[in-house]
C-alpha cells in the first residue's frame, strides 16, 4: 500500500489514505482539510479507464 494504491474504486469515487505523523512541531494536531491547504499539501491523480 501507499500513494499509488487504489482503495474502494467505483465509477464515481475512490479513497486515498494519508499518514500524518503527530509530532510536537505540529502541536500534536490532527490533519484537517484546512491544515492541508495551509501547508500546501495536494494530491495529483489521473483517471484511466481499463477495458
Protein backbone atom coordinates (compact mmCIF):
# COMPACT_ATOMS: atom_id res chain seq x y z
CA UNK A 1 0.00 0.00 0.00
CA UNK A 2 0.99 3.57 -0.49
CA UNK A 3 0.31 6.63 -2.57
CA UNK A 4 -0.17 4.53 -5.67
CA UNK A 5 -2.70 2.13 -4.12
CA UNK A 6 -6.35 2.39 -5.15
CA UNK A 7 -8.91 1.87 -2.38
CA UNK A 8 -12.65 1.31 -2.85
CA UNK A 9 -12.74 2.39 -6.51
CA UNK A 10 -16.05 2.98 -8.26
CA UNK A 11 -17.22 4.87 -11.33
CA UNK A 12 -17.88 7.94 -9.14
CA UNK A 13 -15.19 7.86 -6.45
CA UNK A 14 -12.14 6.34 -4.80
CA UNK A 15 -10.34 6.70 -1.48
CA UNK A 16 -6.89 8.00 -0.64
CA UNK A 17 -5.38 7.27 2.77
CA UNK A 18 -2.73 9.57 4.20
CA UNK A 19 -0.47 9.01 7.17
CA UNK A 20 0.02 12.06 9.38
CA UNK A 21 2.76 11.92 11.99
CA UNK A 22 1.52 13.58 15.16
CA UNK A 23 4.61 15.37 16.47
CA UNK A 24 5.48 18.39 18.60
CA UNK A 25 6.34 20.54 15.55
CA UNK A 26 2.70 20.42 14.54
CA UNK A 27 1.40 20.86 18.06
CA UNK A 28 0.02 17.31 18.19
CA UNK A 29 -2.88 18.27 15.91
CA UNK A 30 -4.87 16.08 13.55
CA UNK A 31 -4.62 16.74 9.83
CA UNK A 32 -7.69 18.57 8.60
CA UNK A 33 -8.51 19.80 5.08
CA UNK A 34 -7.87 23.37 6.28
CA UNK A 35 -4.45 22.44 7.70
CA UNK A 36 -3.56 20.58 4.50
CA UNK A 37 -4.36 23.72 2.50
CA UNK A 38 -2.28 25.87 4.86
CA UNK A 39 0.71 23.53 4.46
CA UNK A 40 0.25 23.50 0.68
CA UNK A 41 -0.42 19.76 0.52
CA UNK A 42 -2.04 18.42 -2.62
CA UNK A 43 -2.64 15.16 -4.46
CA UNK A 44 -2.28 14.78 -8.21
CA UNK A 45 -4.25 11.98 -9.83
CA UNK A 46 -5.19 10.76 -13.27
CA UNK A 47 -8.19 8.59 -14.05
CA UNK A 48 -7.68 5.79 -16.57
CA UNK A 49 -10.41 3.56 -17.97
CA UNK A 50 -9.24 -0.05 -18.10
CA UNK A 51 -11.20 -2.11 -20.64
